[in-house]
Amino acid sequence: MKNRMIEIIGWYGTVVIIGAYALSSFGILNSSSIIYQILNLTGALGIVIVSWPKKAYQPATLNVIWSLIALLAIIKIIFRI
């Protein structure tokens, strides 16, 4: 059951990151919107959760960095920095 949940979280991450990118590319979401950044943050963390236990360190590292960028963008949006 635990492995199934991890796989679901990984697929969530994949779908959400691709979805956010598509919505931004077609002008539906702006990259400076908090929704876009939350989708990127949660999607990247989902991929980290599925990648790390499988020792797939390249996608895990990429998505740790992706999530940090999204987190900083969220902070910037919230505090209008």
PDB file of N, CA and C in Angstrom:
ATOM      1  N   MET A   1       0.812  -1.198   0.000  1.00  0.00           N
ATOM      2  CA  MET A   1       0.000   0.000   0.000  1.00  0.00           C
ATOM      3  C   MET A   1       0.858   1.265   0.000  1.00  0.00           C
ATOM      4  N   LYS A   2       1.970   1.241   0.783  1.00  0.00           N
ATOM      5  CA  LYS A   2       2.857   2.396   0.855  1.00  0.00           C
ATOM      6  C   LYS A   2       3.473   2.690  -0.513  1.00  0.00           C
ATOM      7  N   ASN A   3       3.920   1.641  -1.213  1.00  0.00           N
ATOM      8  CA  ASN A   3       4.509   1.833  -2.546  1.00  0.00           C
ATOM      9  C   ASN A   3       3.492   2.402  -3.525  1.00  0.00           C
ATOM     10  N   ARG A   4       2.265   1.950  -3.431  1.00  0.00           N
ATOM     11  CA  ARG A   4       1.209   2.458  -4.316  1.00  0.00           C
ATOM     12  C   ARG A   4       0.973   3.949  -4.075  1.00  0.00           C
ATOM     13  N   MET A   5       0.965   4.355  -2.806  1.00  0.00           N
ATOM     14  CA  MET A   5       0.759   5.768  -2.465  1.00  0.00           C
ATOM     15  C   MET A   5       1.919   6.613  -2.994  1.00  0.00           C
ATOM     16  N   ILE A   6       3.132   6.124  -2.864  1.00  0.00           N
ATOM     17  CA  ILE A   6       4.298   6.850  -3.381  1.00  0.00           C
ATOM     18  C   ILE A   6       4.199   7.007  -4.897  1.00  0.00           C
ATOM     19  N   GLU A   7       3.772   5.971  -5.583  1.00  0.00           N
ATOM     20  CA  GLU A   7       3.604   6.053  -7.037  1.00  0.00           C
ATOM     21  C   GLU A   7       2.524   7.065  -7.415  1.00  0.00           C
ATOM     22  N   ILE A   8       1.432   7.076  -6.673  1.00  0.00           N
ATOM     23  CA  ILE A   8       0.357   8.050  -6.927  1.00  0.00           C
ATOM     24  C   ILE A   8       0.882   9.473  -6.736  1.00  0.00           C
ATOM     25  N   ILE A   9       1.653   9.682  -5.674  1.00  0.00           N
ATOM     26  CA  ILE A   9       2.240  11.005  -5.421  1.00  0.00           C
ATOM     27  C   ILE A   9       3.175  11.399  -6.558  1.00  0.00           C
ATOM     28  N   GLY A  10       3.961  10.455  -7.050  1.00  0.00           N
ATOM     29  CA  GLY A  10       4.855  10.728  -8.180  1.00  0.00           C
ATOM     30  C   GLY A  10       4.095  11.095  -9.445  1.00  0.00           C
ATOM     31  N   TRP A  11       3.024  10.371  -9.709  1.00  0.00           N
ATOM     32  CA  TRP A  11       2.216  10.695 -10.889  1.00  0.00           C
ATOM     33  C   TRP A  11       1.521  12.039 -10.731  1.00  0.00           C
ATOM     34  N   TYR A  12       1.083  12.343  -9.517  1.00  0.00           N
ATOM     35  CA  TYR A  12       0.509  13.662  -9.239  1.00  0.00           C
ATOM     36  C   TYR A  12       1.523  14.737  -9.615  1.00  0.00           C
ATOM     37  N   GLY A  13       2.757  14.571  -9.151  1.00  0.00           N
ATOM     38  CA  GLY A  13       3.806  15.545  -9.444  1.00  0.00           C
ATOM     39  C   GLY A  13       4.018  15.746 -10.928  1.00  0.00           C
ATOM     40  N   THR A  14       4.075  14.653 -11.651  1.00  0.00           N
ATOM     41  CA  THR A  14       4.284  14.727 -13.097  1.00  0.00           C
ATOM     42  C   THR A  14       3.142  15.467 -13.789  1.00  0.00           C
ATOM     43  N   VAL A  15       1.928  15.076 -13.476  1.00  0.00           N
ATOM     44  CA  VAL A  15       0.751  15.686 -14.113  1.00  0.00           C
ATOM     45  C   VAL A  15       0.642  17.170 -13.763  1.00  0.00           C
ATOM     46  N   VAL A  16       0.899  17.513 -12.515  1.00  0.00           N
ATOM     47  CA  VAL A  16       0.748  18.902 -12.071  1.00  0.00           C
ATOM     48  C   VAL A  16       1.803  19.807 -12.708  1.00  0.00           C
ATOM     49  N   ILE A  17       3.050  19.352 -12.770  1.00  0.00           N
ATOM     50  CA  ILE A  17       4.090  20.188 -13.389  1.00  0.00           C
ATOM     51  C   ILE A  17       3.803  20.383 -14.876  1.00  0.00           C
ATOM     52  N   ILE A  18       3.438  19.333 -15.564  1.00  0.00           N
ATOM     53  CA  ILE A  18       3.111  19.461 -16.989  1.00  0.00           C
ATOM     54  C   ILE A  18       1.871  20.341 -17.170  1.00  0.00           C
ATOM     55  N   GLY A  19       0.878  20.148 -16.303  1.00  0.00           N
ATOM     56  CA  GLY A  19      -0.330  20.962 -16.379  1.00  0.00           C
ATOM     57  C   GLY A  19      -0.054  22.436 -16.149  1.00  0.00           C
ATOM     58  N   ALA A  20       0.768  22.737 -15.141  1.00  0.00           N
ATOM     59  CA  ALA A  20       1.111  24.134 -14.861  1.00  0.00           C
ATOM     60  C   ALA A  20       1.856  24.747 -16.036  1.00  0.00           C
ATOM     61  N   TYR A  21       2.771  24.002 -16.609  1.00  0.00           N
ATOM     62  CA  TYR A  21       3.528  24.495 -17.760  1.00  0.00           C
ATOM     63  C   TYR A  21       2.602  24.762 -18.949  1.00  0.00           C
ATOM     64  N   ALA A  22       1.678  23.840 -19.192  1.00  0.00           N
ATOM     65  CA  ALA A  22       0.732  24.013 -20.298  1.00  0.00           C
ATOM     66  C   ALA A  22      -0.160  25.230 -20.054  1.00  0.00           C
ATOM     67  N   LEU A  23      -0.679  25.370 -18.843  1.00  0.00           N
ATOM     68  CA  LEU A  23      -1.537  26.511 -18.529  1.00  0.00           C
ATOM     69  C   LEU A  23      -0.789  27.834 -18.678  1.00  0.00           C
ATOM     70  N   SER A  24       0.471  27.839 -18.313  1.00  0.00           N
ATOM     71  CA  SER A  24       1.279  29.048 -18.486  1.00  0.00           C
ATOM     72  C   SER A  24       1.585  29.301 -19.963  1.00  0.00           C
ATOM     73  N   SER A  25       1.909  28.260 -20.676  1.00  0.00           N
ATOM     74  CA  SER A  25       2.254  28.393 -22.102  1.00  0.00           C
ATOM     75  C   SER A  25       1.091  28.903 -22.936  1.00  0.00           C
ATOM     76  N   PHE A  26      -0.129  28.543 -22.546  1.00  0.00           N
ATOM     77  CA  PHE A  26      -1.297  28.968 -23.302  1.00  0.00           C
ATOM     78  C   PHE A  26      -1.966  30.215 -22.720  1.00  0.00           C
ATOM     79  N   GLY A  27      -1.272  30.862 -21.764  1.00  0.00           N
ATOM     80  CA  GLY A  27      -1.749  32.129 -21.236  1.00  0.00           C
ATOM     81  C   GLY A  27      -2.906  32.034 -20.263  1.00  0.00           C
ATOM     82  N   ILE A  28      -3.174  30.841 -19.752  1.00  0.00           N
ATOM     83  CA  ILE A  28      -4.276  30.674 -18.801  1.00  0.00           C
ATOM     84  C   ILE A  28      -3.821  31.041 -17.388  1.00  0.00           C
ATOM     85  N   LEU A  29      -2.591  30.686 -17.056  1.00  0.00           N
ATOM     86  CA  LEU A  29      -1.985  31.066 -15.784  1.00  0.00           C
ATOM     87  C   LEU A  29      -0.745  31.897 -16.066  1.00  0.00           C
ATOM     88  N   ASN A  30      -0.501  32.854 -15.206  1.00  0.00           N
ATOM     89  CA  ASN A  30       0.703  33.665 -15.302  1.00  0.00           C
ATOM     90  C   ASN A  30       1.764  33.038 -14.397  1.00  0.00           C
ATOM     91  N   SER A  31       3.008  33.049 -14.831  1.00  0.00           N
ATOM     92  CA  SER A  31       4.063  32.431 -14.028  1.00  0.00           C
ATOM     93  C   SER A  31       4.288  33.149 -12.702  1.00  0.00           C
ATOM     94  N   SER A  32       3.773  34.338 -12.572  1.00  0.00           N
ATOM     95  CA  SER A  32       3.915  35.060 -11.309  1.00  0.00           C
ATOM     96  C   SER A  32       2.686  34.888 -10.404  1.00  0.00           C
ATOM     97  N   SER A  33       1.775  33.992 -10.784  1.00  0.00           N
ATOM     98  CA  SER A  33       0.610  33.744  -9.929  1.00  0.00           C
ATOM     99  C   SER A  33       0.960  32.711  -8.863  1.00  0.00           C
ATOM    100  N   ILE A  34       0.341  32.859  -7.714  1.00  0.00           N
ATOM    101  CA  ILE A  34       0.619  31.937  -6.613  1.00  0.00           C
ATOM    102  C   ILE A  34       0.123  30.528  -6.938  1.00  0.00           C
ATOM    103  N   ILE A  35      -0.946  30.408  -7.692  1.00  0.00           N
ATOM    104  CA  ILE A  35      -1.459  29.080  -8.071  1.00  0.00           C
ATOM    105  C   ILE A  35      -0.425  28.335  -8.915  1.00  0.00           C
ATOM    106  N   TYR A  36       0.150  29.023  -9.878  1.00  0.00           N
ATOM    107  CA  TYR A  36       1.183  28.420 -10.722  1.00  0.00           C
ATOM    108  C   TYR A  36       2.360  27.937  -9.874  1.00  0.00           C
ATOM    109  N   GLN A  37       2.783  28.766  -8.943  1.00  0.00           N
ATOM    110  CA  GLN A  37       3.937  28.411  -8.115  1.00  0.00           C
ATOM    111  C   GLN A  37       3.613  27.281  -7.137  1.00  0.00           C
ATOM    112  N   ILE A  38       2.394  27.251  -6.613  1.00  0.00           N
ATOM    113  CA  ILE A  38       1.991  26.148  -5.733  1.00  0.00           C
ATOM    114  C   ILE A  38       1.945  24.841  -6.511  1.00  0.00           C
ATOM    115  N   LEU A  39       1.452  24.888  -7.739  1.00  0.00           N
ATOM    116  CA  LEU A  39       1.448  23.688  -8.579  1.00  0.00           C
ATOM    117  C   LEU A  39       2.871  23.199  -8.820  1.00  0.00           C
ATOM    118  N   ASN A  40       3.776  24.123  -9.110  1.00  0.00           N
ATOM    119  CA  ASN A  40       5.172  23.741  -9.314  1.00  0.00           C
ATOM    120  C   ASN A  40       5.792  23.170  -8.043  1.00  0.00           C
ATOM    121  N   LEU A  41       5.534  23.802  -6.913  1.00  0.00           N
ATOM    122  CA  LEU A  41       6.093  23.339  -5.642  1.00  0.00           C
ATOM    123  C   LEU A  41       5.598  21.939  -5.295  1.00  0.00           C
ATOM    124  N   THR A  42       4.293  21.741  -5.317  1.00  0.00           N
ATOM    125  CA  THR A  42       3.749  20.437  -4.925  1.00  0.00           C
ATOM    126  C   THR A  42       4.092  19.356  -5.951  1.00  0.00           C
ATOM    127  N   GLY A  43       4.110  19.733  -7.216  1.00  0.00           N
ATOM    128  CA  GLY A  43       4.489  18.766  -8.249  1.00  0.00           C
ATOM    129  C   GLY A  43       5.930  18.323  -8.110  1.00  0.00           C
ATOM    130  N   ALA A  44       6.821  19.278  -7.881  1.00  0.00           N
ATOM    131  CA  ALA A  44       8.239  18.948  -7.730  1.00  0.00           C
ATOM    132  C   ALA A  44       8.460  18.072  -6.497  1.00  0.00           C
ATOM    133  N   LEU A  45       7.790  18.390  -5.406  1.00  0.00           N
ATOM    134  CA  LEU A  45       7.934  17.569  -4.208  1.00  0.00           C
ATOM    135  C   LEU A  45       7.404  16.151  -4.425  1.00  0.00           C
ATOM    136  N   GLY A  46       6.336  16.039  -5.205  1.00  0.00           N
ATOM    137  CA  GLY A  46       5.819  14.705  -5.536  1.00  0.00           C
ATOM    138  C   GLY A  46       6.836  13.872  -6.292  1.00  0.00           C
ATOM    139  N   ILE A  47       7.543  14.488  -7.206  1.00  0.00           N
ATOM    140  CA  ILE A  47       8.561  13.759  -7.969  1.00  0.00           C
ATOM    141  C   ILE A  47       9.755  13.416  -7.077  1.00  0.00           C
ATOM    142  N   VAL A  48      10.104  14.302  -6.157  1.00  0.00           N
ATOM    143  CA  VAL A  48      11.188  14.000  -5.213  1.00  0.00           C
ATOM    144  C   VAL A  48      10.809  12.784  -4.369  1.00  0.00           C
ATOM    145  N   ILE A  49       9.575  12.753  -3.896  1.00  0.00           N
ATOM    146  CA  ILE A  49       9.121  11.647  -3.043  1.00  0.00           C
ATOM    147  C   ILE A  49       9.200  10.309  -3.755  1.00  0.00           C
ATOM    148  N   VAL A  50       8.916  10.286  -5.040  1.00  0.00           N
ATOM    149  CA  VAL A  50       8.982   9.019  -5.774  1.00  0.00           C
ATOM    150  C   VAL A  50      10.406   8.708  -6.252  1.00  0.00           C
ATOM    151  N   SER A  51      11.206   9.717  -6.509  1.00  0.00           N
ATOM    152  CA  SER A  51      12.541   9.511  -7.073  1.00  0.00           C
ATOM    153  C   SER A  51      13.573   9.088  -6.036  1.00  0.00           C
ATOM    154  N   TRP A  52      13.562   9.725  -4.886  1.00  0.00           N
ATOM    155  CA  TRP A  52      14.610   9.500  -3.890  1.00  0.00           C
ATOM    156  C   TRP A  52      14.690   8.035  -3.435  1.00  0.00           C
ATOM    157  N   PRO A  53      13.592   7.391  -3.043  1.00  0.00           N
ATOM    158  CA  PRO A  53      13.695   5.987  -2.604  1.00  0.00           C
ATOM    159  C   PRO A  53      14.176   5.047  -3.717  1.00  0.00           C
ATOM    160  N   LYS A  54      13.932   5.415  -4.954  1.00  0.00           N
ATOM    161  CA  LYS A  54      14.374   4.593  -6.083  1.00  0.00           C
ATOM    162  C   LYS A  54      15.818   4.883  -6.460  1.00  0.00           C
ATOM    163  N   LYS A  55      16.455   5.786  -5.711  1.00  0.00           N
ATOM    164  CA  LYS A  55      17.833   6.208  -5.964  1.00  0.00           C
ATOM    165  C   LYS A  55      18.000   6.826  -7.346  1.00  0.00           C
ATOM    166  N   ALA A  56      16.940   7.463  -7.816  1.00  0.00           N
ATOM    167  CA  ALA A  56      16.983   8.214  -9.073  1.00  0.00           C
ATOM    168  C   ALA A  56      17.325   9.647  -8.692  1.00  0.00           C
ATOM    169  N   TYR A  57      18.611   9.875  -8.441  1.00  0.00           N
ATOM    170  CA  TYR A  57      19.047  11.140  -7.851  1.00  0.00           C
ATOM    171  C   TYR A  57      19.004  12.325  -8.811  1.00  0.00           C
ATOM    172  N   GLN A  58      19.119  12.083 -10.117  1.00  0.00           N
ATOM    173  CA  GLN A  58      19.055  13.212 -11.062  1.00  0.00           C
ATOM    174  C   GLN A  58      17.682  13.887 -11.030  1.00  0.00           C
ATOM    175  N   PRO A  59      16.583  13.152 -11.210  1.00  0.00           N
ATOM    176  CA  PRO A  59      15.285  13.835 -11.132  1.00  0.00           C
ATOM    177  C   PRO A  59      14.993  14.351  -9.725  1.00  0.00           C
ATOM    178  N   ALA A  60      15.477  13.665  -8.702  1.00  0.00           N
ATOM    179  CA  ALA A  60      15.259  14.147  -7.336  1.00  0.00           C
ATOM    180  C   ALA A  60      15.957  15.489  -7.131  1.00  0.00           C
ATOM    181  N   THR A  61      17.211  15.582  -7.561  1.00  0.00           N
ATOM    182  CA  THR A  61      17.966  16.826  -7.418  1.00  0.00           C
ATOM    183  C   THR A  61      17.325  17.956  -8.212  1.00  0.00           C
ATOM    184  N   LEU A  62      16.972  17.679  -9.457  1.00  0.00           N
ATOM    185  CA  LEU A  62      16.309  18.680 -10.295  1.00  0.00           C
ATOM    186  C   LEU A  62      15.062  19.214  -9.610  1.00  0.00           C
ATOM    187  N   ASN A  63      14.286  18.328  -9.035  1.00  0.00           N
ATOM    188  CA  ASN A  63      13.017  18.746  -8.446  1.00  0.00           C
ATOM    189  C   ASN A  63      13.160  19.340  -7.050  1.00  0.00           C
ATOM    190  N   VAL A  64      14.226  19.043  -6.339  1.00  0.00           N
ATOM    191  CA  VAL A  64      14.506  19.773  -5.097  1.00  0.00           C
ATOM    192  C   VAL A  64      14.778  21.232  -5.451  1.00  0.00           C
ATOM    193  N   ILE A  65      15.606  21.442  -6.473  1.00  0.00           N
ATOM    194  CA  ILE A  65      15.910  22.800  -6.920  1.00  0.00           C
ATOM    195  C   ILE A  65      14.651  23.484  -7.445  1.00  0.00           C
ATOM    196  N   TRP A  66      13.854  22.758  -8.237  1.00  0.00           N
ATOM    197  CA  TRP A  66      12.589  23.287  -8.781  1.00  0.00           C
ATOM    198  C   TRP A  66      11.675  23.732  -7.641  1.00  0.00           C
ATOM    199  N   SER A  67      11.581  22.913  -6.585  1.00  0.00           N
ATOM    200  CA  SER A  67      10.704  23.258  -5.469  1.00  0.00           C
ATOM    201  C   SER A  67      11.239  24.452  -4.688  1.00  0.00           C
ATOM    202  N   LEU A  68      12.556  24.571  -4.551  1.00  0.00           N
ATOM    203  CA  LEU A  68      13.129  25.740  -3.868  1.00  0.00           C
ATOM    204  C   LEU A  68      12.842  27.028  -4.638  1.00  0.00           C
ATOM    205  N   ILE A  69      12.958  26.955  -5.960  1.00  0.00           N
ATOM    206  CA  ILE A  69      12.640  28.129  -6.792  1.00  0.00           C
ATOM    207  C   ILE A  69      11.172  28.507  -6.606  1.00  0.00           C
ATOM    208  N   ALA A  70      10.294  27.519  -6.643  1.00  0.00           N
ATOM    209  CA  ALA A  70       8.859  27.786  -6.463  1.00  0.00           C
ATOM    210  C   ALA A  70       8.587  28.357  -5.072  1.00  0.00           C
ATOM    211  N   LEU A  71       9.240  27.827  -4.052  1.00  0.00           N
ATOM    212  CA  LEU A  71       9.046  28.326  -2.693  1.00  0.00           C
ATOM    213  C   LEU A  71       9.500  29.780  -2.575  1.00  0.00           C
ATOM    214  N   LEU A  72      10.641  30.104  -3.142  1.00  0.00           N
ATOM    215  CA  LEU A  72      11.114  31.490  -3.128  1.00  0.00           C
ATOM    216  C   LEU A  72      10.158  32.409  -3.891  1.00  0.00           C
ATOM    217  N   ALA A  73       9.628  31.925  -5.004  1.00  0.00           N
ATOM    218  CA  ALA A  73       8.659  32.719  -5.772  1.00  0.00           C
ATOM    219  C   ALA A  73       7.390  32.945  -4.961  1.00  0.00           C
ATOM    220  N   ILE A  74       6.939  31.934  -4.222  1.00  0.00           N
ATOM    221  CA  ILE A  74       5.755  32.079  -3.377  1.00  0.00           C
ATOM    222  C   ILE A  74       6.007  33.121  -2.285  1.00  0.00           C
ATOM    223  N   ILE A  75       7.167  33.055  -1.668  1.00  0.00           N
ATOM    224  CA  ILE A  75       7.528  34.040  -0.642  1.00  0.00           C
ATOM    225  C   ILE A  75       7.529  35.444  -1.242  1.00  0.00           C
ATOM    226  N   LYS A  76       8.099  35.565  -2.435  1.00  0.00           N
ATOM    227  CA  LYS A  76       8.144  36.864  -3.114  1.00  0.00           C
ATOM    228  C   LYS A  76       6.725  37.384  -3.397  1.00  0.00           C
ATOM    229  N   ILE A  77       5.846  36.486  -3.834  1.00  0.00           N
ATOM    230  CA  ILE A  77       4.468  36.886  -4.142  1.00  0.00           C
ATOM    231  C   ILE A  77       3.732  37.308  -2.857  1.00  0.00           C
ATOM    232  N   ILE A  78       3.877  36.508  -1.809  1.00  0.00           N
ATOM    233  CA  ILE A  78       3.162  36.792  -0.564  1.00  0.00           C
ATOM    234  C   ILE A  78       3.632  38.093   0.080  1.00  0.00           C
ATOM    235  N   PHE A  79       4.933  38.294   0.125  1.00  0.00           N
ATOM    236  CA  PHE A  79       5.474  39.469   0.806  1.00  0.00           C
ATOM    237  C   PHE A  79       5.774  40.627  -0.154  1.00  0.00           C
ATOM    238  N   ARG A  80       5.425  40.435  -1.431  1.00  0.00           N
ATOM    239  CA  ARG A  80       5.611  41.465  -2.455  1.00  0.00           C
ATOM    240  C   ARG A  80       7.022  42.047  -2.457  1.00  0.00           C
ATOM    241  N   ILE A  81       7.971  41.132  -2.407  1.00  0.00           N
ATOM    242  CA  ILE A  81       9.383  41.526  -2.384  1.00  0.00           C
ATOM    243  C   ILE A  81       9.842  41.896  -3.786  1.00  0.00           C
TER     244      ILE A  81
END
